[in-house]
């Protein structure tokens, strides 16, 4: 099963914030860490806030932060909320598709089991599990930016 970019970015935002609990970040910071578009993240952050996983603070000193503990955010729930109902084949759609063997097909049941197994695995994990290696994540997501800023400051090109 392939996840959409929306789901991928949702998980990335949560991992970014989960790696440094208690800290606020801006959309620009998250986008910069991952090299992705700020415009795409605006919708993602809005969605995560509506689900109650993020607190979005406006104004000076604002930004985004986790609204709940990482241990309370189930990966499976994030994926299902972002993806909607899994439709891995045409016959999973509301109309049932236009397949002539649909009344006798066993593939739909097999695919339904596969989706259930996929969901079950994701449900075993929380954001806390994904960020257990905080030190490594911080090194990758936050340190290059700090090192780059220090280098720019030494070169006299810092803002």
C-alpha atoms as a PDB file:
ATOM      1  CA  UNK A   1       0.000   0.000   0.000  1.00  0.00           C
ATOM      2  CA  UNK A   2       1.417   3.360  -0.968  1.00  0.00           C
ATOM      3  CA  UNK A   3       0.812   6.352   1.269  1.00  0.00           C
ATOM      4  CA  UNK A   4       0.077   9.781  -0.154  1.00  0.00           C
ATOM      5  CA  UNK A   5       2.459  12.700   0.263  1.00  0.00           C
ATOM      6  CA  UNK A   6      -0.111  14.213   2.643  1.00  0.00           C
ATOM      7  CA  UNK A   7       0.219  11.230   4.982  1.00  0.00           C
ATOM      8  CA  UNK A   8       3.995  11.160   4.619  1.00  0.00           C
ATOM      9  CA  UNK A   9       4.206  14.853   5.512  1.00  0.00           C
ATOM     10  CA  UNK A  10       1.790  14.387   8.424  1.00  0.00           C
ATOM     11  CA  UNK A  11       4.071  11.757   9.905  1.00  0.00           C
ATOM     12  CA  UNK A  12       7.159  13.876   9.231  1.00  0.00           C
ATOM     13  CA  UNK A  13       5.691  16.888  11.051  1.00  0.00           C
ATOM     14  CA  UNK A  14       4.838  14.723  14.049  1.00  0.00           C
ATOM     15  CA  UNK A  15       8.304  13.134  14.094  1.00  0.00           C
ATOM     16  CA  UNK A  16       9.929  16.571  13.861  1.00  0.00           C
ATOM     17  CA  UNK A  17       7.960  17.854  16.831  1.00  0.00           C
ATOM     18  CA  UNK A  18       8.216  14.577  18.730  1.00  0.00           C
ATOM     19  CA  UNK A  19      11.998  14.643  18.465  1.00  0.00           C
ATOM     20  CA  UNK A  20      12.048  17.807  20.605  1.00  0.00           C
ATOM     21  CA  UNK A  21       9.037  17.668  22.899  1.00  0.00           C
ATOM     22  CA  UNK A  22       8.088  20.939  24.508  1.00  0.00           C
ATOM     23  CA  UNK A  23       9.593  23.010  21.693  1.00  0.00           C
ATOM     24  CA  UNK A  24       7.662  25.012  19.138  1.00  0.00           C
ATOM     25  CA  UNK A  25       8.553  25.018  15.482  1.00  0.00           C
ATOM     26  CA  UNK A  26       7.414  26.971  12.480  1.00  0.00           C
ATOM     27  CA  UNK A  27       6.212  25.540   9.214  1.00  0.00           C
ATOM     28  CA  UNK A  28       9.296  27.063   7.605  1.00  0.00           C
ATOM     29  CA  UNK A  29      11.575  25.176  10.012  1.00  0.00           C
ATOM     30  CA  UNK A  30       9.885  21.854   9.353  1.00  0.00           C
ATOM     31  CA  UNK A  31       9.880  22.437   5.600  1.00  0.00           C
ATOM     32  CA  UNK A  32      13.549  23.378   5.706  1.00  0.00           C
ATOM     33  CA  UNK A  33      14.520  20.299   7.713  1.00  0.00           C
ATOM     34  CA  UNK A  34      12.895  17.980   5.183  1.00  0.00           C
ATOM     35  CA  UNK A  35      13.389  20.036   2.037  1.00  0.00           C
ATOM     36  CA  UNK A  36       9.672  20.158   1.267  1.00  0.00           C
ATOM     37  CA  UNK A  37       7.240  22.905   0.309  1.00  0.00           C
ATOM     38  CA  UNK A  38       5.849  25.168   3.026  1.00  0.00           C
ATOM     39  CA  UNK A  39       2.615  25.422   1.016  1.00  0.00           C
ATOM     40  CA  UNK A  40       2.062  21.663   1.275  1.00  0.00           C
ATOM     41  CA  UNK A  41       2.688  21.748   5.013  1.00  0.00           C
ATOM     42  CA  UNK A  42       0.065  24.410   5.663  1.00  0.00           C
ATOM     43  CA  UNK A  43      -2.762  21.962   4.878  1.00  0.00           C
ATOM     44  CA  UNK A  44      -1.023  19.168   6.761  1.00  0.00           C
ATOM     45  CA  UNK A  45      -0.547  21.265   9.891  1.00  0.00           C
ATOM     46  CA  UNK A  46      -4.162  22.452   9.737  1.00  0.00           C
ATOM     47  CA  UNK A  47      -5.342  18.826   9.491  1.00  0.00           C
ATOM     48  CA  UNK A  48      -3.140  17.695  12.394  1.00  0.00           C
ATOM     49  CA  UNK A  49      -4.472  20.568  14.486  1.00  0.00           C
ATOM     50  CA  UNK A  50      -8.094  19.657  13.692  1.00  0.00           C
ATOM     51  CA  UNK A  51      -7.390  16.082  14.796  1.00  0.00           C
ATOM     52  CA  UNK A  52      -6.119  17.401  18.133  1.00  0.00           C
ATOM     53  CA  UNK A  53      -2.513  16.254  17.705  1.00  0.00           C
ATOM     54  CA  UNK A  54      -1.048  19.738  17.194  1.00  0.00           C
ATOM     55  CA  UNK A  55      -1.564  23.058  18.877  1.00  0.00           C
ATOM     56  CA  UNK A  56      -1.111  25.847  16.358  1.00  0.00           C
ATOM     57  CA  UNK A  57      -0.196  29.145  18.005  1.00  0.00           C
ATOM     58  CA  UNK A  58      -0.501  32.342  15.959  1.00  0.00           C
ATOM     59  CA  UNK A  59       1.402  35.565  16.317  1.00  0.00           C
ATOM     60  CA  UNK A  60       4.826  36.509  17.611  1.00  0.00           C
ATOM     61  CA  UNK A  61       6.491  33.550  19.284  1.00  0.00           C
ATOM     62  CA  UNK A  62       3.887  31.283  17.725  1.00  0.00           C
ATOM     63  CA  UNK A  63       4.319  28.091  15.839  1.00  0.00           C
ATOM     64  CA  UNK A  64       3.271  24.527  16.205  1.00  0.00           C
ATOM     65  CA  UNK A  65       3.751  22.059  18.990  1.00  0.00           C
ATOM     66  CA  UNK A  66       2.392  18.701  20.009  1.00  0.00           C
ATOM     67  CA  UNK A  67      -0.944  19.034  21.792  1.00  0.00           C
ATOM     68  CA  UNK A  68      -0.711  15.561  23.334  1.00  0.00           C
ATOM     69  CA  UNK A  69       2.059  13.291  24.522  1.00  0.00           C
ATOM     70  CA  UNK A  70       3.828  11.325  21.767  1.00  0.00           C
ATOM     71  CA  UNK A  71       2.724   8.106  23.468  1.00  0.00           C
ATOM     72  CA  UNK A  72      -0.915   9.091  22.799  1.00  0.00           C
ATOM     73  CA  UNK A  73      -0.517   9.470  19.026  1.00  0.00           C
ATOM     74  CA  UNK A  74      -1.042   6.128  17.276  1.00  0.00           C
ATOM     75  CA  UNK A  75       0.646   5.862  13.890  1.00  0.00           C
ATOM     76  CA  UNK A  76      -2.273   3.840  12.499  1.00  0.00           C
ATOM     77  CA  UNK A  77      -4.765   6.509  13.463  1.00  0.00           C
ATOM     78  CA  UNK A  78      -2.664   9.237  11.842  1.00  0.00           C
ATOM     79  CA  UNK A  79      -2.455   7.210   8.635  1.00  0.00           C
ATOM     80  CA  UNK A  80      -6.186   6.415   8.574  1.00  0.00           C
ATOM     81  CA  UNK A  81      -7.178  10.030   9.267  1.00  0.00           C
ATOM     82  CA  UNK A  82      -4.871  11.303   6.544  1.00  0.00           C
ATOM     83  CA  UNK A  83      -5.598   8.615   3.947  1.00  0.00           C
ATOM     84  CA  UNK A  84      -9.275   7.999   4.488  1.00  0.00           C
ATOM     85  CA  UNK A  85     -10.671   4.537   3.811  1.00  0.00           C
ATOM     86  CA  UNK A  86      -8.158   2.286   2.078  1.00  0.00           C
ATOM     87  CA  UNK A  87      -9.304   1.481  -1.448  1.00  0.00           C
ATOM     88  CA  UNK A  88      -6.557  -0.816  -2.672  1.00  0.00           C
ATOM     89  CA  UNK A  89      -8.620  -2.010  -5.616  1.00  0.00           C
ATOM     90  CA  UNK A  90     -11.580  -0.761  -7.620  1.00  0.00           C
ATOM     91  CA  UNK A  91     -13.940  -3.135  -5.810  1.00  0.00           C
ATOM     92  CA  UNK A  92     -13.204  -1.428  -2.480  1.00  0.00           C
ATOM     93  CA  UNK A  93     -14.924   1.748  -3.641  1.00  0.00           C
ATOM     94  CA  UNK A  94     -18.445   2.700  -2.619  1.00  0.00           C
ATOM     95  CA  UNK A  95     -19.900   1.549  -5.932  1.00  0.00           C
ATOM     96  CA  UNK A  96     -18.114  -1.803  -5.787  1.00  0.00           C
ATOM     97  CA  UNK A  97     -16.460  -1.145  -9.106  1.00  0.00           C
ATOM     98  CA  UNK A  98     -17.319  -2.488 -12.513  1.00  0.00           C
ATOM     99  CA  UNK A  99     -15.728  -5.928 -12.385  1.00  0.00           C
ATOM    100  CA  UNK A 100     -17.599  -8.854 -13.905  1.00  0.00           C
ATOM    101  CA  UNK A 101     -16.224 -11.377 -11.380  1.00  0.00           C
ATOM    102  CA  UNK A 102     -17.049  -9.278  -8.300  1.00  0.00           C
ATOM    103  CA  UNK A 103     -19.844 -11.586  -7.078  1.00  0.00           C
ATOM    104  CA  UNK A 104     -17.470 -14.569  -7.100  1.00  0.00           C
ATOM    105  CA  UNK A 105     -14.092 -12.966  -6.467  1.00  0.00           C
ATOM    106  CA  UNK A 106     -12.015 -13.973  -3.477  1.00  0.00           C
ATOM    107  CA  UNK A 107      -9.357 -11.342  -4.081  1.00  0.00           C
ATOM    108  CA  UNK A 108     -11.385  -8.668  -2.301  1.00  0.00           C
ATOM    109  CA  UNK A 109     -11.307 -10.728   0.908  1.00  0.00           C
ATOM    110  CA  UNK A 110      -7.579 -11.330   0.592  1.00  0.00           C
ATOM    111  CA  UNK A 111      -6.917  -7.628   0.045  1.00  0.00           C
ATOM    112  CA  UNK A 112      -9.173  -6.741   2.977  1.00  0.00           C
ATOM    113  CA  UNK A 113      -7.058  -9.022   5.184  1.00  0.00           C
ATOM    114  CA  UNK A 114      -3.890  -7.365   3.911  1.00  0.00           C
ATOM    115  CA  UNK A 115      -5.245  -3.893   4.718  1.00  0.00           C
ATOM    116  CA  UNK A 116      -6.303  -5.093   8.178  1.00  0.00           C
ATOM    117  CA  UNK A 117      -2.804  -6.496   8.782  1.00  0.00           C
ATOM    118  CA  UNK A 118      -1.261  -3.205   7.603  1.00  0.00           C
ATOM    119  CA  UNK A 119      -3.494  -1.264  10.010  1.00  0.00           C
ATOM    120  CA  UNK A 120      -2.757  -3.678  12.859  1.00  0.00           C
ATOM    121  CA  UNK A 121       0.991  -3.206  12.504  1.00  0.00           C
ATOM    122  CA  UNK A 122       0.690   0.589  12.407  1.00  0.00           C
ATOM    123  CA  UNK A 123      -1.622   0.514  15.436  1.00  0.00           C
ATOM    124  CA  UNK A 124       1.105  -1.183  17.493  1.00  0.00           C
ATOM    125  CA  UNK A 125       3.249   1.953  17.282  1.00  0.00           C
ATOM    126  CA  UNK A 126       2.979   5.455  18.654  1.00  0.00           C
ATOM    127  CA  UNK A 127       4.867   8.619  17.899  1.00  0.00           C
ATOM    128  CA  UNK A 128       6.906   7.895  21.035  1.00  0.00           C
ATOM    129  CA  UNK A 129       8.157   4.698  19.377  1.00  0.00           C
ATOM    130  CA  UNK A 130       9.136   6.620  16.253  1.00  0.00           C
ATOM    131  CA  UNK A 131      11.212   9.141  18.199  1.00  0.00           C
ATOM    132  CA  UNK A 132      12.942   6.848  20.698  1.00  0.00           C
ATOM    133  CA  UNK A 133      16.171   7.679  18.865  1.00  0.00           C
ATOM    134  CA  UNK A 134      15.782  11.417  19.569  1.00  0.00           C
ATOM    135  CA  UNK A 135      19.531  12.065  19.664  1.00  0.00           C
ATOM    136  CA  UNK A 136      20.031  10.757  16.130  1.00  0.00           C
ATOM    137  CA  UNK A 137      16.957  12.569  14.841  1.00  0.00           C
ATOM    138  CA  UNK A 138      18.075  15.847  16.380  1.00  0.00           C
ATOM    139  CA  UNK A 139      21.506  15.442  14.771  1.00  0.00           C
ATOM    140  CA  UNK A 140      19.955  14.954  11.355  1.00  0.00           C
ATOM    141  CA  UNK A 141      17.080  17.424  11.506  1.00  0.00           C
ATOM    142  CA  UNK A 142      18.389  20.250  13.660  1.00  0.00           C
ATOM    143  CA  UNK A 143      22.181  20.251  13.778  1.00  0.00           C
ATOM    144  CA  UNK A 144      22.887  20.844  10.065  1.00  0.00           C
ATOM    145  CA  UNK A 145      20.792  23.989  10.193  1.00  0.00           C
ATOM    146  CA  UNK A 146      22.661  25.236  13.291  1.00  0.00           C
ATOM    147  CA  UNK A 147      26.032  24.364  11.749  1.00  0.00           C
ATOM    148  CA  UNK A 148      25.036  26.058   8.502  1.00  0.00           C
ATOM    149  CA  UNK A 149      23.947  29.212  10.339  1.00  0.00           C
ATOM    150  CA  UNK A 150      27.225  29.311  12.306  1.00  0.00           C
ATOM    151  CA  UNK A 151      29.219  28.889   9.109  1.00  0.00           C
ATOM    152  CA  UNK A 152      27.238  31.689   7.443  1.00  0.00           C
ATOM    153  CA  UNK A 153      27.821  33.922  10.486  1.00  0.00           C
ATOM    154  CA  UNK A 154      31.578  33.316  10.303  1.00  0.00           C
ATOM    155  CA  UNK A 155      31.518  34.104   6.591  1.00  0.00           C
ATOM    156  CA  UNK A 156      29.588  37.319   7.249  1.00  0.00           C
ATOM    157  CA  UNK A 157      26.536  36.189   5.276  1.00  0.00           C
ATOM    158  CA  UNK A 158      24.182  35.598   8.202  1.00  0.00           C
ATOM    159  CA  UNK A 159      20.981  37.666   8.234  1.00  0.00           C
END
